[in-house]
């Protein structure tokens, strides 16, 4: 498998205030794998069900289901990643607002065989202690606020999320890759300008940057 950053064993790691899980989707046979975190997001105990396209679509919000089906069809026909911003409903009836950020999955010959990435559940709520921890971290980021705020703006535009949600996504990528938040933000801003003018494929291109930007930060910046 050739994704640049495929979580070993489909373990999704994230700060405690952000619910993230990993998935893989093979185009041949439309075979899915999801991490324990993604299973729990949907209301299942790990290993209780086998994820399938039919099962996943059954959980999509009725207003978003056709959109997700179209994205899956496009991924299968084009070999592009399955990426989306949509809502799904867990087994208790709770609605989740999620980003699916993914990149292409390659075999040893470099042939695209599927897509792999992360479900980022944006519905997780902050308790007071977690909010205090986040607030305490903000002063340390003051000198880099401009770059971080701009990077937040990019995520807010591409994923249509709030400022708070965008900041949590940046923090997740920082912790997941053991990269300084300010370095990640600066590098992301440097590379956003390389994207093509907005098209239907822009989100997929941005997902690739978000999931791989840490690899291109100069060594002296990446500690």
N, C-alpha and C. Protein backbone atom coordinates (compact mmCIF):
# COMPACT_ATOMS: atom_id res chain seq x y z
N UNK A 1 0.84 -1.18 0.00
CA UNK A 1 0.00 0.00 0.00
C UNK A 1 0.87 1.23 0.00
N UNK A 2 0.47 2.28 -0.77
CA UNK A 2 1.38 3.36 -1.00
C UNK A 2 0.94 4.73 -0.57
N UNK A 3 -0.03 4.89 0.30
CA UNK A 3 -0.31 6.22 0.80
C UNK A 3 0.89 6.72 1.57
N UNK A 4 1.12 8.00 1.51
CA UNK A 4 2.31 8.54 2.14
C UNK A 4 2.24 8.48 3.65
N UNK A 5 1.02 8.56 4.17
CA UNK A 5 0.90 8.51 5.63
C UNK A 5 -0.31 7.68 5.98
N UNK A 6 -0.15 6.37 5.94
CA UNK A 6 -1.27 5.48 6.28
C UNK A 6 -1.13 5.05 7.73
N UNK A 7 -2.10 5.34 8.57
CA UNK A 7 -1.98 5.01 9.99
C UNK A 7 -1.83 3.51 10.20
N UNK A 8 -0.76 3.05 10.85
CA UNK A 8 -0.58 1.62 11.09
C UNK A 8 -1.77 1.06 11.83
N UNK A 9 -2.30 -0.05 11.33
CA UNK A 9 -3.40 -0.70 12.02
C UNK A 9 -4.67 0.12 12.08
N UNK A 10 -4.77 1.15 11.21
CA UNK A 10 -5.94 2.01 11.19
C UNK A 10 -6.23 2.63 12.54
N UNK A 11 -5.18 3.02 13.25
CA UNK A 11 -5.35 3.69 14.52
C UNK A 11 -5.39 5.19 14.27
N UNK A 12 -6.50 5.83 14.59
CA UNK A 12 -6.61 7.28 14.42
C UNK A 12 -6.18 7.97 15.69
N UNK A 13 -5.14 8.78 15.64
CA UNK A 13 -4.68 9.50 16.82
C UNK A 13 -5.10 10.95 16.72
N UNK A 14 -5.50 11.52 17.83
CA UNK A 14 -5.96 12.90 17.83
C UNK A 14 -5.97 13.43 19.24
N UNK A 15 -5.95 14.77 19.39
CA UNK A 15 -6.11 15.33 20.72
C UNK A 15 -7.42 14.87 21.32
N UNK A 16 -7.51 14.92 22.66
CA UNK A 16 -8.69 14.40 23.33
C UNK A 16 -9.97 15.13 22.99
N UNK A 17 -9.87 16.37 22.50
CA UNK A 17 -11.06 17.14 22.20
C UNK A 17 -11.46 17.02 20.74
N UNK A 18 -10.79 16.17 19.96
CA UNK A 18 -11.13 16.00 18.56
C UNK A 18 -11.25 14.51 18.27
N UNK A 19 -12.38 14.11 17.70
CA UNK A 19 -12.64 12.70 17.43
C UNK A 19 -12.24 12.39 15.99
N UNK A 20 -11.17 11.63 15.83
CA UNK A 20 -10.64 11.31 14.50
C UNK A 20 -10.46 9.80 14.38
N UNK A 21 -10.84 9.25 13.24
CA UNK A 21 -10.61 7.84 12.97
C UNK A 21 -10.15 7.66 11.54
N UNK A 22 -9.51 6.52 11.28
CA UNK A 22 -8.93 6.27 9.97
C UNK A 22 -9.77 5.27 9.19
N UNK A 23 -9.63 5.31 7.86
CA UNK A 23 -10.32 4.36 7.01
C UNK A 23 -9.50 4.06 5.77
N UNK A 24 -9.80 2.93 5.13
CA UNK A 24 -9.27 2.58 3.82
C UNK A 24 -10.43 2.13 2.95
N UNK A 25 -10.38 2.46 1.66
CA UNK A 25 -11.39 2.04 0.70
C UNK A 25 -10.71 1.56 -0.56
N UNK A 26 -10.80 0.25 -0.83
CA UNK A 26 -10.24 -0.32 -2.05
C UNK A 26 -11.27 -0.22 -3.16
N UNK A 27 -10.87 0.33 -4.32
CA UNK A 27 -11.81 0.48 -5.42
C UNK A 27 -12.27 -0.88 -5.94
N UNK A 28 -11.35 -1.83 -6.09
CA UNK A 28 -11.72 -3.15 -6.58
C UNK A 28 -12.54 -3.88 -5.51
N UNK A 29 -13.77 -4.17 -5.83
CA UNK A 29 -14.64 -4.83 -4.87
C UNK A 29 -15.28 -3.91 -3.86
N UNK A 30 -14.94 -2.61 -3.92
CA UNK A 30 -15.47 -1.62 -2.99
C UNK A 30 -15.37 -2.12 -1.54
N UNK A 31 -14.15 -2.47 -1.15
CA UNK A 31 -13.92 -3.01 0.19
C UNK A 31 -13.47 -1.91 1.14
N UNK A 32 -14.10 -1.84 2.31
CA UNK A 32 -13.81 -0.82 3.31
C UNK A 32 -13.13 -1.43 4.53
N UNK A 33 -12.28 -0.64 5.15
CA UNK A 33 -11.80 -0.91 6.51
C UNK A 33 -11.93 0.39 7.28
N UNK A 34 -12.32 0.29 8.54
CA UNK A 34 -12.33 1.49 9.36
C UNK A 34 -11.73 1.18 10.73
N UNK A 35 -11.24 2.22 11.36
CA UNK A 35 -10.64 2.06 12.69
C UNK A 35 -11.74 1.95 13.74
N UNK A 36 -11.33 1.57 14.95
CA UNK A 36 -12.28 1.49 16.06
C UNK A 36 -12.98 2.82 16.28
N UNK A 37 -12.23 3.92 16.07
CA UNK A 37 -12.81 5.25 16.28
C UNK A 37 -13.97 5.52 15.31
N UNK A 38 -13.79 5.14 14.04
CA UNK A 38 -14.86 5.37 13.06
C UNK A 38 -16.06 4.48 13.37
N UNK A 39 -15.80 3.24 13.79
CA UNK A 39 -16.91 2.36 14.18
C UNK A 39 -17.71 3.01 15.30
N UNK A 40 -17.02 3.51 16.33
CA UNK A 40 -17.71 4.12 17.47
C UNK A 40 -18.45 5.39 17.06
N UNK A 41 -17.87 6.18 16.13
CA UNK A 41 -18.58 7.37 15.64
C UNK A 41 -19.96 7.00 15.12
N UNK A 42 -20.04 5.85 14.45
CA UNK A 42 -21.29 5.42 13.86
C UNK A 42 -22.18 4.65 14.85
N UNK A 43 -21.68 4.44 16.06
CA UNK A 43 -22.48 3.80 17.10
C UNK A 43 -22.26 2.32 17.27
N UNK A 44 -21.19 1.77 16.66
CA UNK A 44 -20.93 0.34 16.75
C UNK A 44 -19.72 0.05 17.63
N UNK A 45 -19.76 -1.06 18.32
CA UNK A 45 -18.57 -1.52 19.02
C UNK A 45 -17.58 -2.04 17.98
N UNK A 46 -16.28 -1.86 18.20
CA UNK A 46 -15.28 -2.33 17.24
C UNK A 46 -15.47 -3.81 16.92
N UNK A 47 -15.48 -4.12 15.63
CA UNK A 47 -15.61 -5.50 15.19
C UNK A 47 -17.04 -6.01 15.12
N UNK A 48 -18.01 -5.20 15.53
CA UNK A 48 -19.40 -5.67 15.57
C UNK A 48 -20.01 -5.78 14.18
N UNK A 49 -19.57 -4.93 13.26
CA UNK A 49 -20.10 -4.97 11.90
C UNK A 49 -18.94 -4.85 10.91
N UNK A 50 -19.18 -5.29 9.70
CA UNK A 50 -18.22 -5.12 8.61
C UNK A 50 -18.66 -3.92 7.78
N UNK A 51 -17.83 -2.89 7.67
CA UNK A 51 -18.26 -1.72 6.91
C UNK A 51 -18.39 -2.03 5.43
N UNK A 52 -19.45 -1.57 4.84
CA UNK A 52 -19.70 -1.71 3.41
C UNK A 52 -20.21 -0.38 2.88
N UNK A 53 -20.18 -0.22 1.57
CA UNK A 53 -20.72 1.00 0.98
C UNK A 53 -22.19 1.17 1.35
N UNK A 54 -22.96 0.08 1.30
CA UNK A 54 -24.38 0.15 1.64
C UNK A 54 -24.58 0.61 3.08
N UNK A 55 -23.78 0.05 4.01
CA UNK A 55 -23.91 0.42 5.42
C UNK A 55 -23.55 1.89 5.63
N UNK A 56 -22.44 2.32 5.04
CA UNK A 56 -22.02 3.70 5.23
C UNK A 56 -23.04 4.67 4.65
N UNK A 57 -23.56 4.37 3.46
CA UNK A 57 -24.56 5.26 2.87
C UNK A 57 -25.83 5.30 3.70
N UNK A 58 -26.17 4.19 4.36
CA UNK A 58 -27.38 4.16 5.18
C UNK A 58 -27.29 5.10 6.36
N UNK A 59 -26.05 5.43 6.77
CA UNK A 59 -25.86 6.33 7.90
C UNK A 59 -25.79 7.80 7.48
N UNK A 60 -25.66 8.07 6.20
CA UNK A 60 -25.55 9.46 5.77
C UNK A 60 -26.86 10.20 5.99
N UNK A 61 -26.76 11.45 6.33
CA UNK A 61 -27.95 12.28 6.50
C UNK A 61 -28.74 12.26 5.19
N UNK A 62 -30.06 12.13 5.25
CA UNK A 62 -30.85 12.06 4.01
C UNK A 62 -30.56 13.18 3.02
N UNK A 63 -30.27 14.38 3.53
CA UNK A 63 -30.00 15.51 2.64
C UNK A 63 -28.62 15.45 2.02
N UNK A 64 -27.71 14.62 2.58
CA UNK A 64 -26.35 14.53 2.08
C UNK A 64 -26.06 13.22 1.36
N UNK A 65 -27.00 12.27 1.42
CA UNK A 65 -26.73 10.91 0.91
C UNK A 65 -26.43 10.91 -0.59
N UNK A 66 -27.22 11.62 -1.37
CA UNK A 66 -27.00 11.65 -2.82
C UNK A 66 -25.65 12.28 -3.15
N UNK A 67 -25.30 13.32 -2.40
CA UNK A 67 -24.01 13.97 -2.61
C UNK A 67 -22.86 13.01 -2.35
N UNK A 68 -22.93 12.25 -1.26
CA UNK A 68 -21.88 11.29 -0.94
C UNK A 68 -21.83 10.17 -1.98
N UNK A 69 -22.98 9.71 -2.43
CA UNK A 69 -23.02 8.68 -3.47
C UNK A 69 -22.35 9.19 -4.74
N UNK A 70 -22.60 10.44 -5.11
CA UNK A 70 -21.96 11.02 -6.29
C UNK A 70 -20.44 11.08 -6.12
N UNK A 71 -19.99 11.43 -4.91
CA UNK A 71 -18.55 11.50 -4.65
C UNK A 71 -17.91 10.12 -4.74
N UNK A 72 -18.59 9.11 -4.22
CA UNK A 72 -18.08 7.74 -4.31
C UNK A 72 -18.01 7.29 -5.77
N UNK A 73 -19.05 7.58 -6.53
CA UNK A 73 -19.05 7.21 -7.94
C UNK A 73 -17.90 7.90 -8.68
N UNK A 74 -17.68 9.17 -8.35
CA UNK A 74 -16.59 9.92 -8.98
C UNK A 74 -15.24 9.31 -8.62
N UNK A 75 -15.07 8.95 -7.33
CA UNK A 75 -13.81 8.34 -6.90
C UNK A 75 -13.56 7.03 -7.64
N UNK A 76 -14.59 6.21 -7.79
CA UNK A 76 -14.43 4.93 -8.46
C UNK A 76 -14.11 5.10 -9.94
N UNK A 77 -14.71 6.10 -10.58
CA UNK A 77 -14.51 6.31 -12.01
C UNK A 77 -13.20 7.02 -12.32
N UNK A 78 -12.78 7.90 -11.43
CA UNK A 78 -11.61 8.75 -11.72
C UNK A 78 -10.34 8.29 -11.03
N UNK A 79 -10.47 7.42 -10.00
CA UNK A 79 -9.30 7.05 -9.23
C UNK A 79 -8.84 8.13 -8.28
N UNK A 80 -9.70 9.10 -8.00
CA UNK A 80 -9.37 10.19 -7.09
C UNK A 80 -9.82 9.85 -5.68
N UNK A 81 -9.26 10.53 -4.67
CA UNK A 81 -9.65 10.22 -3.28
C UNK A 81 -11.11 10.52 -3.01
N UNK A 82 -11.67 9.77 -2.07
CA UNK A 82 -13.02 10.04 -1.58
C UNK A 82 -12.90 11.05 -0.45
N UNK A 83 -13.26 12.29 -0.72
CA UNK A 83 -13.15 13.36 0.26
C UNK A 83 -14.48 14.10 0.30
N UNK A 84 -14.85 14.56 1.49
CA UNK A 84 -16.17 15.16 1.60
C UNK A 84 -16.32 15.94 2.89
N UNK A 85 -17.29 16.81 2.93
CA UNK A 85 -17.83 17.41 4.15
C UNK A 85 -19.31 17.06 4.16
N UNK A 86 -19.75 16.27 5.12
CA UNK A 86 -21.14 15.84 5.14
C UNK A 86 -21.56 15.46 6.56
N UNK A 87 -22.83 15.12 6.70
CA UNK A 87 -23.37 14.70 7.97
C UNK A 87 -23.72 13.22 7.91
N UNK A 88 -23.54 12.54 9.05
CA UNK A 88 -24.02 11.17 9.15
C UNK A 88 -24.73 10.98 10.49
N UNK A 89 -25.53 9.93 10.56
CA UNK A 89 -26.37 9.69 11.74
C UNK A 89 -25.94 8.37 12.37
N UNK A 90 -25.62 8.39 13.67
CA UNK A 90 -25.19 7.16 14.32
C UNK A 90 -26.39 6.31 14.73
N UNK A 91 -26.12 5.17 15.34
CA UNK A 91 -27.20 4.22 15.66
C UNK A 91 -28.16 4.75 16.71
N UNK A 92 -27.78 5.79 17.46
CA UNK A 92 -28.68 6.39 18.45
C UNK A 92 -29.51 7.52 17.87
N UNK A 93 -29.26 7.88 16.60
CA UNK A 93 -29.99 8.97 15.97
C UNK A 93 -29.30 10.31 16.06
N UNK A 94 -28.10 10.35 16.64
CA UNK A 94 -27.38 11.61 16.76
C UNK A 94 -26.73 11.98 15.42
N UNK A 95 -26.87 13.24 15.04
CA UNK A 95 -26.29 13.72 13.78
C UNK A 95 -24.87 14.19 14.02
N UNK A 96 -23.93 13.72 13.20
CA UNK A 96 -22.54 14.12 13.27
C UNK A 96 -22.18 14.95 12.04
N UNK A 97 -21.42 16.00 12.26
CA UNK A 97 -20.90 16.82 11.17
C UNK A 97 -19.44 16.44 10.98
N UNK A 98 -19.06 15.98 9.79
CA UNK A 98 -17.73 15.39 9.61
C UNK A 98 -17.05 15.88 8.34
N UNK A 99 -15.73 15.89 8.41
CA UNK A 99 -14.87 16.04 7.24
C UNK A 99 -14.27 14.67 6.96
N UNK A 100 -14.24 14.26 5.71
CA UNK A 100 -13.48 13.08 5.31
C UNK A 100 -12.33 13.58 4.46
N UNK A 101 -11.12 13.50 5.01
CA UNK A 101 -9.91 13.95 4.33
C UNK A 101 -9.08 12.74 3.94
N UNK A 102 -8.81 12.60 2.65
CA UNK A 102 -8.17 11.38 2.18
C UNK A 102 -7.16 11.66 1.08
N UNK A 103 -6.35 10.67 0.80
CA UNK A 103 -5.38 10.73 -0.28
C UNK A 103 -5.45 9.42 -1.04
N UNK A 104 -4.80 9.36 -2.19
CA UNK A 104 -4.81 8.14 -2.98
C UNK A 104 -4.02 7.03 -2.30
N UNK A 105 -4.44 5.80 -2.50
CA UNK A 105 -3.74 4.63 -1.99
C UNK A 105 -3.13 3.91 -3.19
N UNK A 106 -1.81 3.70 -3.17
CA UNK A 106 -1.08 3.14 -4.30
C UNK A 106 -0.52 1.77 -3.96
N UNK A 107 -0.40 0.91 -4.99
CA UNK A 107 0.29 -0.36 -4.77
C UNK A 107 1.77 -0.18 -5.02
N UNK A 108 2.54 -1.28 -4.95
CA UNK A 108 3.99 -1.18 -5.05
C UNK A 108 4.46 -0.71 -6.43
N UNK A 109 3.58 -0.76 -7.43
CA UNK A 109 3.92 -0.28 -8.78
C UNK A 109 3.50 1.16 -8.99
N UNK A 110 2.89 1.76 -7.99
CA UNK A 110 2.44 3.13 -8.11
C UNK A 110 1.06 3.28 -8.73
N UNK A 111 0.34 2.17 -8.86
CA UNK A 111 -1.01 2.19 -9.42
C UNK A 111 -2.01 2.51 -8.32
N UNK A 112 -2.96 3.39 -8.62
CA UNK A 112 -3.99 3.75 -7.64
C UNK A 112 -4.92 2.56 -7.42
N UNK A 113 -5.04 2.13 -6.17
CA UNK A 113 -5.90 0.99 -5.85
C UNK A 113 -7.04 1.38 -4.91
N UNK A 114 -7.02 2.59 -4.42
CA UNK A 114 -8.07 3.01 -3.50
C UNK A 114 -7.77 4.36 -2.89
N UNK A 115 -8.45 4.64 -1.81
CA UNK A 115 -8.27 5.90 -1.10
C UNK A 115 -8.24 5.61 0.40
N UNK A 116 -7.46 6.36 1.12
CA UNK A 116 -7.31 6.15 2.56
C UNK A 116 -7.13 7.50 3.25
N UNK A 117 -7.65 7.60 4.44
CA UNK A 117 -7.52 8.86 5.15
C UNK A 117 -8.24 8.84 6.47
N UNK A 118 -8.93 9.93 6.78
CA UNK A 118 -9.47 10.12 8.12
C UNK A 118 -10.90 10.67 8.09
N UNK A 119 -11.70 10.20 9.02
CA UNK A 119 -12.95 10.85 9.39
C UNK A 119 -12.62 11.81 10.53
N UNK A 120 -12.98 13.07 10.39
CA UNK A 120 -12.78 14.07 11.43
C UNK A 120 -14.16 14.52 11.90
N UNK A 121 -14.55 14.07 13.07
CA UNK A 121 -15.89 14.36 13.60
C UNK A 121 -15.85 15.72 14.28
N UNK A 122 -16.57 16.68 13.72
CA UNK A 122 -16.55 18.05 14.23
C UNK A 122 -17.61 18.30 15.28
N UNK A 123 -18.37 17.29 15.66
CA UNK A 123 -19.46 17.50 16.60
C UNK A 123 -19.03 17.33 18.05
N UNK A 124 -17.80 16.89 18.27
CA UNK A 124 -17.33 16.71 19.65
C UNK A 124 -17.40 18.04 20.38
N UNK A 125 -17.90 18.00 21.61
CA UNK A 125 -18.04 19.22 22.39
C UNK A 125 -16.91 19.34 23.40
N UNK A 126 -16.59 20.58 23.74
CA UNK A 126 -15.57 20.85 24.74
C UNK A 126 -16.18 20.83 26.14
N UNK A 127 -15.52 20.16 27.08
CA UNK A 127 -15.91 20.38 28.46
C UNK A 127 -15.04 21.51 28.99
N UNK A 128 -15.34 21.99 30.18
CA UNK A 128 -14.66 23.19 30.67
C UNK A 128 -13.16 22.96 30.83
N UNK A 129 -12.78 21.78 31.31
CA UNK A 129 -11.36 21.52 31.53
C UNK A 129 -10.59 21.54 30.22
N UNK A 130 -11.17 20.93 29.18
CA UNK A 130 -10.49 20.90 27.89
C UNK A 130 -10.41 22.30 27.29
N UNK A 131 -11.48 23.08 27.46
CA UNK A 131 -11.44 24.44 26.95
C UNK A 131 -10.37 25.26 27.65
N UNK A 132 -10.22 25.04 28.97
CA UNK A 132 -9.19 25.76 29.71
C UNK A 132 -7.80 25.39 29.22
N UNK A 133 -7.59 24.10 28.89
CA UNK A 133 -6.31 23.68 28.36
C UNK A 133 -6.02 24.35 27.03
N UNK A 134 -7.03 24.44 26.17
CA UNK A 134 -6.85 25.09 24.89
C UNK A 134 -6.55 26.57 25.07
N UNK A 135 -7.29 27.23 25.96
CA UNK A 135 -7.05 28.65 26.21
C UNK A 135 -5.65 28.89 26.76
N UNK A 136 -5.16 27.97 27.60
CA UNK A 136 -3.83 28.13 28.19
C UNK A 136 -2.74 28.03 27.13
N UNK A 137 -3.02 27.30 26.05
CA UNK A 137 -2.00 27.12 25.01
C UNK A 137 -1.91 28.32 24.08
N UNK A 138 -2.94 29.13 24.02
CA UNK A 138 -2.97 30.22 23.05
C UNK A 138 -1.87 31.25 23.22
N UNK A 139 -1.49 31.67 24.46
CA UNK A 139 -0.42 32.66 24.57
C UNK A 139 0.88 32.22 23.92
N UNK A 140 1.20 30.94 23.96
CA UNK A 140 2.43 30.44 23.36
C UNK A 140 2.41 30.58 21.84
N UNK A 141 1.22 30.75 21.29
CA UNK A 141 1.09 30.84 19.84
C UNK A 141 1.02 32.28 19.35
N UNK A 142 1.12 33.24 20.27
CA UNK A 142 0.88 34.64 19.92
C UNK A 142 1.78 35.12 18.80
N UNK A 143 3.08 34.81 18.89
CA UNK A 143 4.03 35.34 17.90
C UNK A 143 3.78 34.77 16.50
N UNK A 144 3.10 33.64 16.44
CA UNK A 144 2.82 33.02 15.14
C UNK A 144 1.35 33.15 14.77
N UNK A 145 0.64 34.04 15.44
CA UNK A 145 -0.81 34.12 15.25
C UNK A 145 -1.19 34.42 13.81
N UNK A 146 -0.44 35.29 13.12
CA UNK A 146 -0.82 35.68 11.77
C UNK A 146 -0.88 34.47 10.84
N UNK A 147 0.20 33.66 10.85
CA UNK A 147 0.24 32.49 9.97
C UNK A 147 -0.84 31.49 10.35
N UNK A 148 -1.02 31.29 11.64
CA UNK A 148 -2.02 30.32 12.09
C UNK A 148 -3.42 30.79 11.73
N UNK A 149 -3.69 32.08 11.91
CA UNK A 149 -5.01 32.61 11.58
C UNK A 149 -5.28 32.48 10.08
N UNK A 150 -4.25 32.73 9.26
CA UNK A 150 -4.43 32.59 7.82
C UNK A 150 -4.68 31.14 7.43
N UNK A 151 -3.92 30.23 8.05
CA UNK A 151 -4.13 28.81 7.77
C UNK A 151 -5.53 28.38 8.20
N UNK A 152 -5.98 28.89 9.34
CA UNK A 152 -7.35 28.60 9.77
C UNK A 152 -8.35 29.08 8.72
N UNK A 153 -8.07 30.25 8.17
CA UNK A 153 -8.96 30.79 7.15
C UNK A 153 -9.06 29.91 5.93
N UNK A 154 -7.92 29.33 5.54
CA UNK A 154 -7.92 28.42 4.40
C UNK A 154 -8.80 27.22 4.68
N UNK A 155 -8.62 26.60 5.87
CA UNK A 155 -9.44 25.44 6.23
C UNK A 155 -10.91 25.81 6.32
N UNK A 156 -11.20 26.99 6.87
CA UNK A 156 -12.57 27.43 6.99
C UNK A 156 -13.22 27.56 5.61
N UNK A 157 -12.45 28.04 4.63
CA UNK A 157 -12.98 28.21 3.28
C UNK A 157 -13.18 26.86 2.59
N UNK A 158 -12.14 26.03 2.65
CA UNK A 158 -12.20 24.77 1.90
C UNK A 158 -13.21 23.81 2.49
N UNK A 159 -13.24 23.69 3.84
CA UNK A 159 -14.11 22.71 4.48
C UNK A 159 -15.41 23.31 5.00
N UNK A 160 -15.55 24.64 4.93
CA UNK A 160 -16.74 25.31 5.43
C UNK A 160 -16.97 24.98 6.91
N UNK A 161 -15.94 25.21 7.71
CA UNK A 161 -16.01 24.95 9.14
C UNK A 161 -15.82 26.26 9.89
N UNK A 162 -16.06 26.22 11.20
CA UNK A 162 -15.88 27.41 12.03
C UNK A 162 -14.40 27.61 12.34
N UNK A 163 -14.08 28.77 12.89
CA UNK A 163 -12.70 29.06 13.27
C UNK A 163 -12.20 28.06 14.31
N UNK A 164 -13.06 27.74 15.28
CA UNK A 164 -12.68 26.78 16.32
C UNK A 164 -12.41 25.40 15.73
N UNK A 165 -13.28 24.96 14.83
CA UNK A 165 -13.09 23.66 14.20
C UNK A 165 -11.82 23.63 13.35
N UNK A 166 -11.56 24.72 12.62
CA UNK A 166 -10.36 24.79 11.80
C UNK A 166 -9.10 24.72 12.67
N UNK A 167 -9.13 25.40 13.81
CA UNK A 167 -7.97 25.37 14.70
C UNK A 167 -7.75 23.97 15.25
N UNK A 168 -8.83 23.25 15.56
CA UNK A 168 -8.69 21.89 16.06
C UNK A 168 -8.10 20.96 15.00
N UNK A 169 -8.49 21.16 13.74
CA UNK A 169 -7.92 20.34 12.67
C UNK A 169 -6.42 20.60 12.54
N UNK A 170 -6.01 21.87 12.59
CA UNK A 170 -4.58 22.19 12.55
C UNK A 170 -3.84 21.56 13.73
N UNK A 171 -4.42 21.64 14.91
CA UNK A 171 -3.79 21.04 16.08
C UNK A 171 -3.64 19.53 15.93
N UNK A 172 -4.67 18.91 15.36
CA UNK A 172 -4.59 17.46 15.13
C UNK A 172 -3.43 17.11 14.21
N UNK A 173 -3.30 17.84 13.10
CA UNK A 173 -2.21 17.54 12.17
C UNK A 173 -0.85 17.81 12.83
N UNK A 174 -0.78 18.85 13.65
CA UNK A 174 0.47 19.17 14.35
C UNK A 174 0.87 18.04 15.28
N UNK A 175 -0.08 17.54 16.07
CA UNK A 175 0.23 16.48 17.02
C UNK A 175 0.44 15.14 16.33
N UNK A 176 -0.37 14.88 15.27
CA UNK A 176 -0.26 13.62 14.54
C UNK A 176 1.12 13.47 13.90
N UNK A 177 1.69 14.58 13.44
CA UNK A 177 2.96 14.55 12.71
C UNK A 177 4.14 15.03 13.55
N UNK A 178 3.88 15.36 14.84
CA UNK A 178 4.93 15.86 15.72
C UNK A 178 5.65 17.06 15.10
N UNK A 179 4.85 17.99 14.60
CA UNK A 179 5.35 19.18 13.93
C UNK A 179 4.85 20.42 14.65
N UNK A 180 5.69 21.44 14.76
CA UNK A 180 5.25 22.68 15.39
C UNK A 180 4.07 23.26 14.62
N UNK A 181 3.10 23.74 15.37
CA UNK A 181 1.89 24.26 14.75
C UNK A 181 2.21 25.43 13.82
N UNK A 182 3.08 26.32 14.25
CA UNK A 182 3.40 27.49 13.42
C UNK A 182 4.12 27.07 12.13
N UNK A 183 4.99 26.04 12.22
CA UNK A 183 5.68 25.56 11.02
C UNK A 183 4.71 24.93 10.04
N UNK A 184 3.78 24.16 10.59
CA UNK A 184 2.77 23.52 9.74
C UNK A 184 1.93 24.58 9.04
N UNK A 185 1.51 25.60 9.79
CA UNK A 185 0.68 26.65 9.22
C UNK A 185 1.42 27.41 8.13
N UNK A 186 2.68 27.77 8.39
CA UNK A 186 3.46 28.52 7.39
C UNK A 186 3.66 27.71 6.12
N UNK A 187 3.98 26.43 6.27
CA UNK A 187 4.22 25.60 5.09
C UNK A 187 2.92 25.39 4.31
N UNK A 188 1.83 25.23 5.01
CA UNK A 188 0.54 25.08 4.34
C UNK A 188 0.22 26.32 3.52
N UNK A 189 0.47 27.48 4.09
CA UNK A 189 0.20 28.73 3.38
C UNK A 189 1.11 28.87 2.15
N UNK A 190 2.37 28.46 2.30
CA UNK A 190 3.31 28.52 1.17
C UNK A 190 2.81 27.67 0.00
N UNK A 191 2.23 26.51 0.32
CA UNK A 191 1.87 25.57 -0.73
C UNK A 191 0.46 25.75 -1.27
N UNK A 192 -0.40 26.45 -0.53
CA UNK A 192 -1.76 26.68 -1.03
C UNK A 192 -1.73 27.44 -2.36
N UNK A 193 -0.77 28.33 -2.52
CA UNK A 193 -0.70 29.12 -3.75
C UNK A 193 -0.39 28.28 -4.98
N UNK A 194 0.06 27.04 -4.78
CA UNK A 194 0.36 26.17 -5.92
C UNK A 194 -0.88 25.47 -6.46
N UNK A 195 -2.00 25.57 -5.75
CA UNK A 195 -3.22 24.91 -6.20
C UNK A 195 -3.80 25.62 -7.42
N UNK A 196 -4.51 24.85 -8.22
CA UNK A 196 -5.18 25.42 -9.39
C UNK A 196 -6.34 26.31 -8.95
N UNK A 197 -6.85 27.08 -9.90
CA UNK A 197 -8.04 27.87 -9.62
C UNK A 197 -9.16 26.95 -9.17
N UNK A 198 -10.08 27.44 -8.34
CA UNK A 198 -11.12 26.58 -7.78
C UNK A 198 -11.87 25.77 -8.84
N UNK A 199 -11.91 24.48 -8.62
CA UNK A 199 -12.66 23.55 -9.47
C UNK A 199 -13.29 22.51 -8.55
N UNK A 200 -13.97 21.55 -9.13
CA UNK A 200 -14.59 20.50 -8.34
C UNK A 200 -13.56 19.65 -7.63
N UNK A 201 -12.32 19.66 -8.13
CA UNK A 201 -11.28 18.80 -7.55
C UNK A 201 -10.44 19.50 -6.50
N UNK A 202 -10.72 20.77 -6.22
CA UNK A 202 -9.87 21.53 -5.30
C UNK A 202 -9.82 20.90 -3.92
N UNK A 203 -10.95 20.42 -3.39
CA UNK A 203 -10.91 19.85 -2.05
C UNK A 203 -10.02 18.63 -1.99
N UNK A 204 -10.05 17.79 -3.02
CA UNK A 204 -9.18 16.62 -3.03
C UNK A 204 -7.72 17.03 -3.05
N UNK A 205 -7.40 18.07 -3.82
CA UNK A 205 -6.02 18.56 -3.85
C UNK A 205 -5.61 19.09 -2.48
N UNK A 206 -6.53 19.80 -1.82
CA UNK A 206 -6.22 20.35 -0.51
C UNK A 206 -6.03 19.25 0.52
N UNK A 207 -6.83 18.19 0.45
CA UNK A 207 -6.67 17.06 1.35
C UNK A 207 -5.25 16.50 1.25
N UNK A 208 -4.76 16.40 0.02
CA UNK A 208 -3.41 15.87 -0.17
C UNK A 208 -2.38 16.77 0.53
N UNK A 209 -2.54 18.09 0.39
CA UNK A 209 -1.62 19.00 1.08
C UNK A 209 -1.71 18.83 2.59
N UNK A 210 -2.92 18.80 3.12
CA UNK A 210 -3.10 18.71 4.57
C UNK A 210 -2.49 17.45 5.14
N UNK A 211 -2.59 16.35 4.43
CA UNK A 211 -2.11 15.07 4.93
C UNK A 211 -0.63 14.83 4.67
N UNK A 212 0.01 15.70 3.87
CA UNK A 212 1.42 15.47 3.55
C UNK A 212 2.30 16.69 3.78
N UNK A 213 1.74 17.85 4.16
CA UNK A 213 2.51 19.08 4.24
C UNK A 213 3.68 18.97 5.22
N UNK A 214 3.53 18.15 6.28
CA UNK A 214 4.59 18.01 7.27
C UNK A 214 5.86 17.41 6.66
N UNK A 215 5.72 16.67 5.56
CA UNK A 215 6.87 16.01 4.96
C UNK A 215 7.81 17.01 4.27
N UNK A 216 7.30 18.19 3.95
CA UNK A 216 8.08 19.15 3.18
C UNK A 216 8.54 20.35 3.99
N UNK A 217 8.34 20.32 5.31
CA UNK A 217 8.85 21.39 6.16
C UNK A 217 10.36 21.20 6.32
N UNK A 218 11.16 22.25 6.10
CA UNK A 218 12.62 22.12 6.26
C UNK A 218 12.98 21.55 7.62
N UNK A 219 14.02 20.71 7.69
CA UNK A 219 14.39 20.06 8.96
C UNK A 219 14.54 21.01 10.13
N UNK A 220 15.10 22.19 9.88
CA UNK A 220 15.32 23.12 10.98
C UNK A 220 14.03 23.72 11.51
N UNK A 221 12.93 23.54 10.75
CA UNK A 221 11.65 24.09 11.17
C UNK A 221 10.72 23.04 11.76
N UNK A 222 11.06 21.77 11.59
CA UNK A 222 10.09 20.73 11.87
C UNK A 222 10.16 20.09 13.22
N UNK A 223 10.95 20.61 14.16
CA UNK A 223 11.10 19.95 15.44
C UNK A 223 9.87 19.96 16.30
